[in-house]
Amino acid sequence: MSLTIDASSFRAGMARAQVKMDLAVRTALYLEAESIMTDSRPLVPWETGVLKASGYVNRPVGDAMSASVEFGYGGAASAYAVIQEVHDEFNHPRGGQSRYFQTAFDQHAEGMQARLAERVRAAY
C-alpha cells in the first residue's frame, strides 16, 4: 500500500494566507500610526503652521513577523520639530505644547497591542 499527497495546492494556499497576513499586519500598524498622528495634531505648537503640516505616516514595511511604520513630524521642519518636542520651558502663546508627539503616543500605548491584534483578526 502507498499513499501519495500532492501538497502543491496546500503550499499555494499557505502562500496566499501569508500575503494576506502580511497585509493585515501592515494595515493595522498604519491605522494605529494615523490615529496617533490625528491625536497629536491639536497639540503641535503653532507659529507658522509649517510644523503641523510636516506630519507624516510612511507606508509600513516588512512582513507579519517583523513589520514597522515610520511616522512623526519632520521634513522641512525636522530640526524645529525636535526642539519644540523636547523643550518644556518654551511658551506657546498661539497654542500647542511640548511633548506633543510623545503625549499622543503615550495615550495610545495602553491597549495598542490589543487594537493591533483586533485589526489583524478583523482582516481575516
PDB file of N, CA and C in Angstrom:
ATOM      1  N   MET A   1       0.852  -1.167   0.000  1.00  0.00           N
ATOM      2  CA  MET A   1       0.000   0.000   0.000  1.00  0.00           C
ATOM      3  C   MET A   1       0.901   1.233   0.000  1.00  0.00           C
ATOM      4  N   SER A   2       0.476   2.258  -0.698  1.00  0.00           N
ATOM      5  CA  SER A   2       1.207   3.525  -0.694  1.00  0.00           C
ATOM      6  C   SER A   2       0.210   4.671  -0.682  1.00  0.00           C
ATOM      7  N   LEU A   3       0.677   5.781  -0.198  1.00  0.00           N
ATOM      8  CA  LEU A   3      -0.139   6.990  -0.117  1.00  0.00           C
ATOM      9  C   LEU A   3       0.685   8.127  -0.687  1.00  0.00           C
ATOM     10  N   THR A   4       0.135   8.832  -1.620  1.00  0.00           N
ATOM     11  CA  THR A   4       0.822   9.958  -2.241  1.00  0.00           C
ATOM     12  C   THR A   4      -0.007  11.215  -2.014  1.00  0.00           C
ATOM     13  N   ILE A   5       0.671  12.225  -1.597  1.00  0.00           N
ATOM     14  CA  ILE A   5      -0.007  13.505  -1.349  1.00  0.00           C
ATOM     15  C   ILE A   5       0.612  14.558  -2.253  1.00  0.00           C
ATOM     16  N   ASP A   6      -0.248  15.287  -2.944  1.00  0.00           N
ATOM     17  CA  ASP A   6       0.212  16.415  -3.755  1.00  0.00           C
ATOM     18  C   ASP A   6      -0.012  17.673  -2.913  1.00  0.00           C
ATOM     19  N   ALA A   7       1.054  18.222  -2.386  1.00  0.00           N
ATOM     20  CA  ALA A   7       0.958  19.370  -1.484  1.00  0.00           C
ATOM     21  C   ALA A   7       1.020  20.705  -2.207  1.00  0.00           C
ATOM     22  N   SER A   8       1.020  20.711  -3.509  1.00  0.00           N
ATOM     23  CA  SER A   8       1.158  21.976  -4.235  1.00  0.00           C
ATOM     24  C   SER A   8       0.002  22.925  -3.956  1.00  0.00           C
ATOM     25  N   SER A   9      -1.223  22.417  -3.883  1.00  0.00           N
ATOM     26  CA  SER A   9      -2.351  23.309  -3.605  1.00  0.00           C
ATOM     27  C   SER A   9      -2.291  23.811  -2.161  1.00  0.00           C
ATOM     28  N   PHE A  10      -1.804  22.960  -1.253  1.00  0.00           N
ATOM     29  CA  PHE A  10      -1.640  23.383   0.131  1.00  0.00           C
ATOM     30  C   PHE A  10      -0.604  24.499   0.228  1.00  0.00           C
ATOM     31  N   ARG A  11       0.521  24.321  -0.450  1.00  0.00           N
ATOM     32  CA  ARG A  11       1.571  25.347  -0.447  1.00  0.00           C
ATOM     33  C   ARG A  11       1.054  26.655  -1.037  1.00  0.00           C
ATOM     34  N   ALA A  12       0.298  26.568  -2.111  1.00  0.00           N
ATOM     35  CA  ALA A  12      -0.253  27.775  -2.734  1.00  0.00           C
ATOM     36  C   ALA A  12      -1.208  28.485  -1.776  1.00  0.00           C
ATOM     37  N   GLY A  13      -2.020  27.706  -1.075  1.00  0.00           N
ATOM     38  CA  GLY A  13      -2.939  28.287  -0.093  1.00  0.00           C
ATOM     39  C   GLY A  13      -2.198  28.950   1.052  1.00  0.00           C
ATOM     40  N   MET A  14      -1.144  28.328   1.515  1.00  0.00           N
ATOM     41  CA  MET A  14      -0.343  28.913   2.589  1.00  0.00           C
ATOM     42  C   MET A  14       0.337  30.200   2.126  1.00  0.00           C
ATOM     43  N   ALA A  15       0.791  30.218   0.903  1.00  0.00           N
ATOM     44  CA  ALA A  15       1.427  31.433   0.365  1.00  0.00           C
ATOM     45  C   ALA A  15       0.412  32.572   0.293  1.00  0.00           C
ATOM     46  N   ARG A  16      -0.813  32.271  -0.135  1.00  0.00           N
ATOM     47  CA  ARG A  16      -1.864  33.305  -0.185  1.00  0.00           C
ATOM     48  C   ARG A  16      -2.198  33.801   1.217  1.00  0.00           C
ATOM     49  N   ALA A  17      -2.257  32.879   2.178  1.00  0.00           N
ATOM     50  CA  ALA A  17      -2.551  33.262   3.566  1.00  0.00           C
ATOM     51  C   ALA A  17      -1.446  34.158   4.131  1.00  0.00           C
ATOM     52  N   GLN A  18      -0.201  33.855   3.780  1.00  0.00           N
ATOM     53  CA  GLN A  18       0.919  34.672   4.269  1.00  0.00           C
ATOM     54  C   GLN A  18       0.852  36.088   3.705  1.00  0.00           C
ATOM     55  N   VAL A  19       0.520  36.212   2.443  1.00  0.00           N
ATOM     56  CA  VAL A  19       0.385  37.534   1.820  1.00  0.00           C
ATOM     57  C   VAL A  19      -0.724  38.308   2.513  1.00  0.00           C
ATOM     58  N   LYS A  20      -1.843  37.641   2.786  1.00  0.00           N
ATOM     59  CA  LYS A  20      -2.975  38.295   3.450  1.00  0.00           C
ATOM     60  C   LYS A  20      -2.593  38.726   4.877  1.00  0.00           C
ATOM     61  N   MET A  21      -1.868  37.868   5.584  1.00  0.00           N
ATOM     62  CA  MET A  21      -1.443  38.195   6.945  1.00  0.00           C
ATOM     63  C   MET A  21      -0.467  39.368   6.940  1.00  0.00           C
ATOM     64  N   ASP A  22       0.481  39.363   6.030  1.00  0.00           N
ATOM     65  CA  ASP A  22       1.439  40.466   5.929  1.00  0.00           C
ATOM     66  C   ASP A  22       0.710  41.788   5.715  1.00  0.00           C
ATOM     67  N   LEU A  23      -0.249  41.784   4.797  1.00  0.00           N
ATOM     68  CA  LEU A  23      -1.020  42.995   4.516  1.00  0.00           C
ATOM     69  C   LEU A  23      -1.832  43.424   5.735  1.00  0.00           C
ATOM     70  N   ALA A  24      -2.435  42.467   6.427  1.00  0.00           N
ATOM     71  CA  ALA A  24      -3.246  42.788   7.607  1.00  0.00           C
ATOM     72  C   ALA A  24      -2.393  43.434   8.702  1.00  0.00           C
ATOM     73  N   VAL A  25      -1.200  42.922   8.925  1.00  0.00           N
ATOM     74  CA  VAL A  25      -0.316  43.478   9.957  1.00  0.00           C
ATOM     75  C   VAL A  25       0.139  44.883   9.567  1.00  0.00           C
ATOM     76  N   ARG A  26       0.547  45.054   8.328  1.00  0.00           N
ATOM     77  CA  ARG A  26       0.993  46.386   7.891  1.00  0.00           C
ATOM     78  C   ARG A  26      -0.161  47.391   7.950  1.00  0.00           C
ATOM     79  N   THR A  27      -1.344  46.976   7.570  1.00  0.00           N
ATOM     80  CA  THR A  27      -2.502  47.870   7.621  1.00  0.00           C
ATOM     81  C   THR A  27      -2.830  48.258   9.061  1.00  0.00           C
ATOM     82  N   ALA A  28      -2.772  47.300   9.972  1.00  0.00           N
ATOM     83  CA  ALA A  28      -3.038  47.587  11.386  1.00  0.00           C
ATOM     84  C   ALA A  28      -2.037  48.603  11.930  1.00  0.00           C
ATOM     85  N   LEU A  29      -0.775  48.430  11.586  1.00  0.00           N
ATOM     86  CA  LEU A  29       0.250  49.382  12.031  1.00  0.00           C
ATOM     87  C   LEU A  29      -0.005  50.774  11.456  1.00  0.00           C
ATOM     88  N   TYR A  30      -0.341  50.830  10.186  1.00  0.00           N
ATOM     89  CA  TYR A  30      -0.600  52.115   9.537  1.00  0.00           C
ATOM     90  C   TYR A  30      -1.772  52.837  10.212  1.00  0.00           C
ATOM     91  N   LEU A  31      -2.854  52.124  10.463  1.00  0.00           N
ATOM     92  CA  LEU A  31      -4.031  52.739  11.081  1.00  0.00           C
ATOM     93  C   LEU A  31      -3.729  53.231  12.497  1.00  0.00           C
ATOM     94  N   GLU A  32      -2.924  52.478  13.241  1.00  0.00           N
ATOM     95  CA  GLU A  32      -2.543  52.914  14.590  1.00  0.00           C
ATOM     96  C   GLU A  32      -1.696  54.180  14.515  1.00  0.00           C
ATOM     97  N   ALA A  33      -0.749  54.220  13.592  1.00  0.00           N
ATOM     98  CA  ALA A  33       0.086  55.412  13.429  1.00  0.00           C
ATOM     99  C   ALA A  33      -0.752  56.622  13.019  1.00  0.00           C
ATOM    100  N   GLU A  34      -1.693  56.420  12.118  1.00  0.00           N
ATOM    101  CA  GLU A  34      -2.587  57.525  11.705  1.00  0.00           C
ATOM    102  C   GLU A  34      -3.396  58.048  12.886  1.00  0.00           C
ATOM    103  N   SER A  35      -3.850  57.154  13.725  1.00  0.00           N
ATOM    104  CA  SER A  35      -4.635  57.559  14.892  1.00  0.00           C
ATOM    105  C   SER A  35      -3.784  58.379  15.868  1.00  0.00           C
ATOM    106  N   ILE A  36      -2.556  57.964  16.080  1.00  0.00           N
ATOM    107  CA  ILE A  36      -1.648  58.716  16.949  1.00  0.00           C
ATOM    108  C   ILE A  36      -1.396  60.107  16.361  1.00  0.00           C
ATOM    109  N   MET A  37      -1.158  60.164  15.062  1.00  0.00           N
ATOM    110  CA  MET A  37      -0.928  61.461  14.424  1.00  0.00           C
ATOM    111  C   MET A  37      -2.153  62.361  14.541  1.00  0.00           C
ATOM    112  N   THR A  38      -3.324  61.802  14.356  1.00  0.00           N
ATOM    113  CA  THR A  38      -4.562  62.584  14.475  1.00  0.00           C
ATOM    114  C   THR A  38      -4.677  63.197  15.868  1.00  0.00           C
ATOM    115  N   ASP A  39      -4.350  62.404  16.887  1.00  0.00           N
ATOM    116  CA  ASP A  39      -4.445  62.913  18.253  1.00  0.00           C
ATOM    117  C   ASP A  39      -3.318  63.883  18.602  1.00  0.00           C
ATOM    118  N   SER A  40      -2.194  63.805  17.911  1.00  0.00           N
ATOM    119  CA  SER A  40      -1.082  64.714  18.212  1.00  0.00           C
ATOM    120  C   SER A  40      -1.254  66.082  17.557  1.00  0.00           C
ATOM    121  N   ARG A  41      -1.935  66.158  16.433  1.00  0.00           N
ATOM    122  CA  ARG A  41      -2.028  67.430  15.684  1.00  0.00           C
ATOM    123  C   ARG A  41      -2.548  68.602  16.508  1.00  0.00           C
ATOM    124  N   PRO A  42      -3.601  68.440  17.306  1.00  0.00           N
ATOM    125  CA  PRO A  42      -4.046  69.591  18.112  1.00  0.00           C
ATOM    126  C   PRO A  42      -3.031  70.043  19.164  1.00  0.00           C
ATOM    127  N   LEU A  43      -2.069  69.190  19.475  1.00  0.00           N
ATOM    128  CA  LEU A  43      -1.068  69.521  20.494  1.00  0.00           C
ATOM    129  C   LEU A  43       0.185  70.178  19.917  1.00  0.00           C
ATOM    130  N   VAL A  44       0.320  70.179  18.597  1.00  0.00           N
ATOM    131  CA  VAL A  44       1.520  70.707  17.942  1.00  0.00           C
ATOM    132  C   VAL A  44       1.581  72.228  18.116  1.00  0.00           C
ATOM    133  N   PRO A  45       2.709  72.757  18.590  1.00  0.00           N
ATOM    134  CA  PRO A  45       2.857  74.215  18.689  1.00  0.00           C
ATOM    135  C   PRO A  45       2.669  74.856  17.309  1.00  0.00           C
ATOM    136  N   TRP A  46       2.010  75.997  17.307  1.00  0.00           N
ATOM    137  CA  TRP A  46       1.717  76.642  16.036  1.00  0.00           C
ATOM    138  C   TRP A  46       2.286  78.053  16.036  1.00  0.00           C
ATOM    139  N   GLU A  47       3.084  78.336  15.036  1.00  0.00           N
ATOM    140  CA  GLU A  47       3.549  79.697  14.801  1.00  0.00           C
ATOM    141  C   GLU A  47       3.271  80.057  13.352  1.00  0.00           C
ATOM    142  N   THR A  48       3.760  79.243  12.435  1.00  0.00           N
ATOM    143  CA  THR A  48       3.532  79.486  11.005  1.00  0.00           C
ATOM    144  C   THR A  48       2.721  78.362  10.364  1.00  0.00           C
ATOM    145  N   GLY A  49       2.549  77.253  11.071  1.00  0.00           N
ATOM    146  CA  GLY A  49       1.834  76.104  10.522  1.00  0.00           C
ATOM    147  C   GLY A  49       2.726  75.079   9.844  1.00  0.00           C
ATOM    148  N   VAL A  50       4.014  75.413   9.673  1.00  0.00           N
ATOM    149  CA  VAL A  50       4.937  74.505   8.985  1.00  0.00           C
ATOM    150  C   VAL A  50       5.102  73.207   9.779  1.00  0.00           C
ATOM    151  N   LEU A  51       5.253  73.314  11.087  1.00  0.00           N
ATOM    152  CA  LEU A  51       5.462  72.122  11.908  1.00  0.00           C
ATOM    153  C   LEU A  51       4.246  71.195  11.839  1.00  0.00           C
ATOM    154  N   LYS A  52       3.075  71.739  12.017  1.00  0.00           N
ATOM    155  CA  LYS A  52       1.864  70.911  11.976  1.00  0.00           C
ATOM    156  C   LYS A  52       1.704  70.257  10.606  1.00  0.00           C
ATOM    157  N   ALA A  53       2.023  70.987   9.564  1.00  0.00           N
ATOM    158  CA  ALA A  53       1.890  70.463   8.198  1.00  0.00           C
ATOM    159  C   ALA A  53       2.946  69.417   7.861  1.00  0.00           C
ATOM    160  N   SER A  54       3.987  69.312   8.677  1.00  0.00           N
ATOM    161  CA  SER A  54       5.071  68.379   8.369  1.00  0.00           C
ATOM    162  C   SER A  54       4.796  66.954   8.850  1.00  0.00           C
ATOM    163  N   GLY A  55       3.643  66.732   9.491  1.00  0.00           N
ATOM    164  CA  GLY A  55       3.307  65.402   9.982  1.00  0.00           C
ATOM    165  C   GLY A  55       3.209  64.402   8.835  1.00  0.00           C
ATOM    166  N   TYR A  56       3.657  63.188   9.087  1.00  0.00           N
ATOM    167  CA  TYR A  56       3.633  62.160   8.040  1.00  0.00           C
ATOM    168  C   TYR A  56       3.505  60.772   8.648  1.00  0.00           C
ATOM    169  N   VAL A  57       2.963  59.858   7.873  1.00  0.00           N
ATOM    170  CA  VAL A  57       2.952  58.432   8.183  1.00  0.00           C
ATOM    171  C   VAL A  57       3.406  57.741   6.906  1.00  0.00           C
ATOM    172  N   ASN A  58       4.566  57.088   6.964  1.00  0.00           N
ATOM    173  CA  ASN A  58       5.064  56.353   5.797  1.00  0.00           C
ATOM    174  C   ASN A  58       4.344  55.018   5.662  1.00  0.00           C
ATOM    175  N   ARG A  59       4.450  54.443   4.484  1.00  0.00           N
ATOM    176  CA  ARG A  59       3.894  53.108   4.271  1.00  0.00           C
ATOM    177  C   ARG A  59       4.667  52.105   5.107  1.00  0.00           C
ATOM    178  N   PRO A  60       3.978  51.206   5.781  1.00  0.00           N
ATOM    179  CA  PRO A  60       4.670  50.191   6.576  1.00  0.00           C
ATOM    180  C   PRO A  60       5.525  49.286   5.691  1.00  0.00           C
ATOM    181  N   VAL A  61       6.561  48.751   6.280  1.00  0.00           N
ATOM    182  CA  VAL A  61       7.451  47.823   5.583  1.00  0.00           C
ATOM    183  C   VAL A  61       7.546  46.543   6.403  1.00  0.00           C
ATOM    184  N   GLY A  62       7.988  45.472   5.759  1.00  0.00           N
ATOM    185  CA  GLY A  62       8.201  44.212   6.437  1.00  0.00           C
ATOM    186  C   GLY A  62       7.074  43.238   6.190  1.00  0.00           C
ATOM    187  N   ASP A  63       7.050  42.208   7.026  1.00  0.00           N
ATOM    188  CA  ASP A  63       6.027  41.174   6.909  1.00  0.00           C
ATOM    189  C   ASP A  63       5.382  40.965   8.277  1.00  0.00           C
ATOM    190  N   ALA A  64       4.535  39.967   8.372  1.00  0.00           N
ATOM    191  CA  ALA A  64       3.787  39.741   9.608  1.00  0.00           C
ATOM    192  C   ALA A  64       4.694  39.454  10.806  1.00  0.00           C
ATOM    193  N   MET A  65       5.865  38.930  10.562  1.00  0.00           N
ATOM    194  CA  MET A  65       6.776  38.597  11.655  1.00  0.00           C
ATOM    195  C   MET A  65       7.641  39.777  12.089  1.00  0.00           C
ATOM    196  N   SER A  66       7.817  40.758  11.223  1.00  0.00           N
ATOM    197  CA  SER A  66       8.674  41.895  11.537  1.00  0.00           C
ATOM    198  C   SER A  66       8.289  43.081  10.656  1.00  0.00           C
ATOM    199  N   ALA A  67       7.292  43.806  11.088  1.00  0.00           N
ATOM    200  CA  ALA A  67       6.815  44.952  10.320  1.00  0.00           C
ATOM    201  C   ALA A  67       7.039  46.222  11.132  1.00  0.00           C
ATOM    202  N   SER A  68       7.182  47.343  10.430  1.00  0.00           N
ATOM    203  CA  SER A  68       7.352  48.625  11.109  1.00  0.00           C
ATOM    204  C   SER A  68       6.764  49.734  10.252  1.00  0.00           C
ATOM    205  N   VAL A  69       6.451  50.829  10.923  1.00  0.00           N
ATOM    206  CA  VAL A  69       5.955  52.012  10.235  1.00  0.00           C
ATOM    207  C   VAL A  69       6.656  53.225  10.844  1.00  0.00           C
ATOM    208  N   GLU A  70       7.142  54.115   9.997  1.00  0.00           N
ATOM    209  CA  GLU A  70       7.780  55.344  10.469  1.00  0.00           C
ATOM    210  C   GLU A  70       6.770  56.474  10.355  1.00  0.00           C
ATOM    211  N   PHE A  71       6.663  57.260  11.426  1.00  0.00           N
ATOM    212  CA  PHE A  71       5.742  58.394  11.409  1.00  0.00           C
ATOM    213  C   PHE A  71       6.223  59.447  12.380  1.00  0.00           C
ATOM    214  N   GLY A  72       5.775  60.663  12.180  1.00  0.00           N
ATOM    215  CA  GLY A  72       6.188  61.743  13.054  1.00  0.00           C
ATOM    216  C   GLY A  72       6.066  63.084  12.368  1.00  0.00           C
ATOM    217  N   TYR A  73       6.902  64.006  12.768  1.00  0.00           N
ATOM    218  CA  TYR A  73       6.947  65.349  12.206  1.00  0.00           C
ATOM    219  C   TYR A  73       8.351  65.588  11.703  1.00  0.00           C
ATOM    220  N   GLY A  74       8.481  66.295  10.621  1.00  0.00           N
ATOM    221  CA  GLY A  74       9.818  66.498  10.088  1.00  0.00           C
ATOM    222  C   GLY A  74       9.812  67.210   8.768  1.00  0.00           C
ATOM    223  N   GLY A  75      10.494  66.618   7.794  1.00  0.00           N
ATOM    224  CA  GLY A  75      10.628  67.269   6.501  1.00  0.00           C
ATOM    225  C   GLY A  75      11.360  68.583   6.667  1.00  0.00           C
ATOM    226  N   ALA A  76      10.776  69.632   6.138  1.00  0.00           N
ATOM    227  CA  ALA A  76      11.388  70.960   6.211  1.00  0.00           C
ATOM    228  C   ALA A  76      11.500  71.451   7.656  1.00  0.00           C
ATOM    229  N   ALA A  77      10.722  70.877   8.544  1.00  0.00           N
ATOM    230  CA  ALA A  77      10.706  71.327   9.931  1.00  0.00           C
ATOM    231  C   ALA A  77      11.353  70.334  10.889  1.00  0.00           C
ATOM    232  N   SER A  78      12.178  69.411  10.401  1.00  0.00           N
ATOM    233  CA  SER A  78      12.679  68.334  11.267  1.00  0.00           C
ATOM    234  C   SER A  78      13.484  68.842  12.468  1.00  0.00           C
ATOM    235  N   ALA A  79      14.416  69.761  12.286  1.00  0.00           N
ATOM    236  CA  ALA A  79      15.193  70.279  13.412  1.00  0.00           C
ATOM    237  C   ALA A  79      14.285  71.041  14.380  1.00  0.00           C
ATOM    238  N   TYR A  80      13.391  71.819  13.834  1.00  0.00           N
ATOM    239  CA  TYR A  80      12.439  72.590  14.630  1.00  0.00           C
ATOM    240  C   TYR A  80      11.497  71.656  15.391  1.00  0.00           C
ATOM    241  N   ALA A  81      11.091  70.562  14.765  1.00  0.00           N
ATOM    242  CA  ALA A  81      10.176  69.608  15.397  1.00  0.00           C
ATOM    243  C   ALA A  81      10.789  69.024  16.659  1.00  0.00           C
ATOM    244  N   VAL A  82      12.048  68.647  16.590  1.00  0.00           N
ATOM    245  CA  VAL A  82      12.728  68.069  17.753  1.00  0.00           C
ATOM    246  C   VAL A  82      12.837  69.102  18.870  1.00  0.00           C
ATOM    247  N   ILE A  83      13.224  70.306  18.535  1.00  0.00           N
ATOM    248  CA  ILE A  83      13.366  71.367  19.537  1.00  0.00           C
ATOM    249  C   ILE A  83      12.037  71.624  20.242  1.00  0.00           C
ATOM    250  N   GLN A  84      10.976  71.738  19.467  1.00  0.00           N
ATOM    251  CA  GLN A  84       9.662  72.006  20.047  1.00  0.00           C
ATOM    252  C   GLN A  84       9.157  70.819  20.879  1.00  0.00           C
ATOM    253  N   GLU A  85       9.526  69.618  20.492  1.00  0.00           N
ATOM    254  CA  GLU A  85       9.106  68.410  21.228  1.00  0.00           C
ATOM    255  C   GLU A  85       9.741  68.341  22.614  1.00  0.00           C
ATOM    256  N   VAL A  86      11.015  68.647  22.719  1.00  0.00           N
ATOM    257  CA  VAL A  86      11.747  68.355  23.962  1.00  0.00           C
ATOM    258  C   VAL A  86      11.907  69.517  24.928  1.00  0.00           C
ATOM    259  N   HIS A  87      11.670  70.746  24.512  1.00  0.00           N
ATOM    260  CA  HIS A  87      11.890  71.890  25.402  1.00  0.00           C
ATOM    261  C   HIS A  87      10.606  72.267  26.137  1.00  0.00           C
ATOM    262  N   ASP A  88      10.480  71.763  27.353  1.00  0.00           N
ATOM    263  CA  ASP A  88       9.283  72.019  28.162  1.00  0.00           C
ATOM    264  C   ASP A  88       9.171  73.482  28.594  1.00  0.00           C
ATOM    265  N   GLU A  89      10.271  74.200  28.560  1.00  0.00           N
ATOM    266  CA  GLU A  89      10.253  75.588  29.049  1.00  0.00           C
ATOM    267  C   GLU A  89       9.728  76.585  28.002  1.00  0.00           C
ATOM    268  N   PHE A  90       9.526  76.149  26.779  1.00  0.00           N
ATOM    269  CA  PHE A  90       9.045  77.068  25.742  1.00  0.00           C
ATOM    270  C   PHE A  90       7.595  77.467  26.004  1.00  0.00           C
ATOM    271  N   ASN A  91       7.299  78.727  25.690  1.00  0.00           N
ATOM    272  CA  ASN A  91       5.943  79.247  25.789  1.00  0.00           C
ATOM    273  C   ASN A  91       5.297  79.124  24.406  1.00  0.00           C
ATOM    274  N   HIS A  92       4.063  78.714  24.372  1.00  0.00           N
ATOM    275  CA  HIS A  92       3.355  78.542  23.092  1.00  0.00           C
ATOM    276  C   HIS A  92       2.080  79.385  23.108  1.00  0.00           C
ATOM    277  N   PRO A  93       2.234  80.707  22.885  1.00  0.00           N
ATOM    278  CA  PRO A  93       1.085  81.610  23.013  1.00  0.00           C
ATOM    279  C   PRO A  93      -0.007  81.377  21.971  1.00  0.00           C
ATOM    280  N   ARG A  94       0.327  80.762  20.849  1.00  0.00           N
ATOM    281  CA  ARG A  94      -0.683  80.507  19.806  1.00  0.00           C
ATOM    282  C   ARG A  94      -1.254  79.093  19.880  1.00  0.00           C
ATOM    283  N   GLY A  95      -0.915  78.389  20.943  1.00  0.00           N
ATOM    284  CA  GLY A  95      -1.451  77.044  21.136  1.00  0.00           C
ATOM    285  C   GLY A  95      -0.405  75.968  20.951  1.00  0.00           C
ATOM    286  N   GLY A  96      -0.736  74.799  21.441  1.00  0.00           N
ATOM    287  CA  GLY A  96       0.170  73.669  21.364  1.00  0.00           C
ATOM    288  C   GLY A  96       0.983  73.515  22.632  1.00  0.00           C
ATOM    289  N   GLN A  97       1.863  72.541  22.625  1.00  0.00           N
ATOM    290  CA  GLN A  97       2.653  72.238  23.811  1.00  0.00           C
ATOM    291  C   GLN A  97       3.902  71.460  23.423  1.00  0.00           C
ATOM    292  N   SER A  98       4.833  71.387  24.363  1.00  0.00           N
ATOM    293  CA  SER A  98       5.964  70.489  24.153  1.00  0.00           C
ATOM    294  C   SER A  98       5.455  69.061  24.356  1.00  0.00           C
ATOM    295  N   ARG A  99       6.242  68.117  23.968  1.00  0.00           N
ATOM    296  CA  ARG A  99       5.893  66.692  24.084  1.00  0.00           C
ATOM    297  C   ARG A  99       4.588  66.367  23.358  1.00  0.00           C
ATOM    298  N   TYR A 100       4.291  67.100  22.305  1.00  0.00           N
ATOM    299  CA  TYR A 100       3.053  66.897  21.549  1.00  0.00           C
ATOM    300  C   TYR A 100       2.979  65.506  20.939  1.00  0.00           C
ATOM    301  N   PHE A 101       4.100  65.000  20.439  1.00  0.00           N
ATOM    302  CA  PHE A 101       4.115  63.685  19.819  1.00  0.00           C
ATOM    303  C   PHE A 101       4.160  62.588  20.886  1.00  0.00           C
ATOM    304  N   GLN A 102       5.016  62.760  21.876  1.00  0.00           N
ATOM    305  CA  GLN A 102       5.142  61.766  22.948  1.00  0.00           C
ATOM    306  C   GLN A 102       3.842  61.621  23.724  1.00  0.00           C
ATOM    307  N   THR A 103       3.159  62.725  23.970  1.00  0.00           N
ATOM    308  CA  THR A 103       1.895  62.688  24.700  1.00  0.00           C
ATOM    309  C   THR A 103       0.872  61.834  23.963  1.00  0.00           C
ATOM    310  N   ALA A 104       0.728  62.074  22.678  1.00  0.00           N
ATOM    311  CA  ALA A 104      -0.237  61.291  21.892  1.00  0.00           C
ATOM    312  C   ALA A 104       0.166  59.824  21.845  1.00  0.00           C
ATOM    313  N   PHE A 105       1.460  59.556  21.668  1.00  0.00           N
ATOM    314  CA  PHE A 105       1.922  58.170  21.629  1.00  0.00           C
ATOM    315  C   PHE A 105       1.638  57.466  22.950  1.00  0.00           C
ATOM    316  N   ASP A 106       1.949  58.133  24.057  1.00  0.00           N
ATOM    317  CA  ASP A 106       1.720  57.543  25.374  1.00  0.00           C
ATOM    318  C   ASP A 106       0.240  57.248  25.610  1.00  0.00           C
ATOM    319  N   GLN A 107      -0.632  58.127  25.128  1.00  0.00           N
ATOM    320  CA  GLN A 107      -2.066  57.903  25.282  1.00  0.00           C
ATOM    321  C   GLN A 107      -2.524  56.652  24.522  1.00  0.00           C
ATOM    322  N   HIS A 108      -1.840  56.322  23.460  1.00  0.00           N
ATOM    323  CA  HIS A 108      -2.193  55.153  22.654  1.00  0.00           C
ATOM    324  C   HIS A 108      -1.501  53.882  23.119  1.00  0.00           C
ATOM    325  N   ALA A 109      -0.455  54.020  23.927  1.00  0.00           N
ATOM    326  CA  ALA A 109       0.349  52.849  24.305  1.00  0.00           C
ATOM    327  C   ALA A 109      -0.478  51.786  25.017  1.00  0.00           C
ATOM    328  N   GLU A 110      -1.318  52.221  25.955  1.00  0.00           N
ATOM    329  CA  GLU A 110      -2.150  51.249  26.649  1.00  0.00           C
ATOM    330  C   GLU A 110      -3.210  50.717  25.685  1.00  0.00           C
ATOM    331  N   GLY A 111      -3.233  49.457  25.524  1.00  0.00           N
ATOM    332  CA  GLY A 111      -4.206  48.833  24.639  1.00  0.00           C
ATOM    333  C   GLY A 111      -3.767  48.726  23.191  1.00  0.00           C
ATOM    334  N   MET A 112      -2.570  49.228  22.870  1.00  0.00           N
ATOM    335  CA  MET A 112      -2.119  49.207  21.480  1.00  0.00           C
ATOM    336  C   MET A 112      -2.021  47.777  20.941  1.00  0.00           C
ATOM    337  N   GLN A 113      -1.445  46.899  21.717  1.00  0.00           N
ATOM    338  CA  GLN A 113      -1.280  45.521  21.263  1.00  0.00           C
ATOM    339  C   GLN A 113      -2.642  44.875  20.986  1.00  0.00           C
ATOM    340  N   ALA A 114      -3.604  45.109  21.852  1.00  0.00           N
ATOM    341  CA  ALA A 114      -4.946  44.548  21.654  1.00  0.00           C
ATOM    342  C   ALA A 114      -5.611  45.133  20.416  1.00  0.00           C
ATOM    343  N   ARG A 115      -5.448  46.453  20.188  1.00  0.00           N
ATOM    344  CA  ARG A 115      -6.048  47.071  18.992  1.00  0.00           C
ATOM    345  C   ARG A 115      -5.419  46.516  17.725  1.00  0.00           C
ATOM    346  N   LEU A 116      -4.095  46.360  17.736  1.00  0.00           N
ATOM    347  CA  LEU A 116      -3.425  45.806  16.560  1.00  0.00           C
ATOM    348  C   LEU A 116      -3.905  44.383  16.292  1.00  0.00           C
ATOM    349  N   ALA A 117      -3.997  43.572  17.335  1.00  0.00           N
ATOM    350  CA  ALA A 117      -4.454  42.184  17.174  1.00  0.00           C
ATOM    351  C   ALA A 117      -5.875  42.144  16.642  1.00  0.00           C
ATOM    352  N   GLU A 118      -6.739  43.004  17.151  1.00  0.00           N
ATOM    353  CA  GLU A 118      -8.129  43.020  16.688  1.00  0.00           C
ATOM    354  C   GLU A 118      -8.222  43.432  15.220  1.00  0.00           C
ATOM    355  N   ARG A 119      -7.421  44.404  14.819  1.00  0.00           N
ATOM    356  CA  ARG A 119      -7.422  44.812  13.408  1.00  0.00           C
ATOM    357  C   ARG A 119      -6.945  43.687  12.498  1.00  0.00           C
ATOM    358  N   VAL A 120      -5.956  42.941  12.948  1.00  0.00           N
ATOM    359  CA  VAL A 120      -5.466  41.813  12.146  1.00  0.00           C
ATOM    360  C   VAL A 120      -6.545  40.738  12.079  1.00  0.00           C
ATOM    361  N   ARG A 121      -7.169  40.436  13.218  1.00  0.00           N
ATOM    362  CA  ARG A 121      -8.251  39.422  13.221  1.00  0.00           C
ATOM    363  C   ARG A 121      -9.395  39.842  12.315  1.00  0.00           C
ATOM    364  N   ALA A 122      -9.736  41.114  12.346  1.00  0.00           N
ATOM    365  CA  ALA A 122     -10.854  41.605  11.536  1.00  0.00           C
ATOM    366  C   ALA A 122     -10.568  41.478  10.046  1.00  0.00           C
ATOM    367  N   ALA A 123      -9.304  41.506   9.677  1.00  0.00           N
ATOM    368  CA  ALA A 123      -8.932  41.375   8.269  1.00  0.00           C
ATOM    369  C   ALA A 123      -9.106  39.947   7.772  1.00  0.00           C
ATOM    370  N   TYR A 124      -9.181  39.003   8.680  1.00  0.00           N
ATOM    371  CA  TYR A 124      -9.395  37.613   8.321  1.00  0.00           C
ATOM    372  C   TYR A 124     -10.851  37.309   8.422  1.00  0.00           C
TER     373      TYR A 124
END
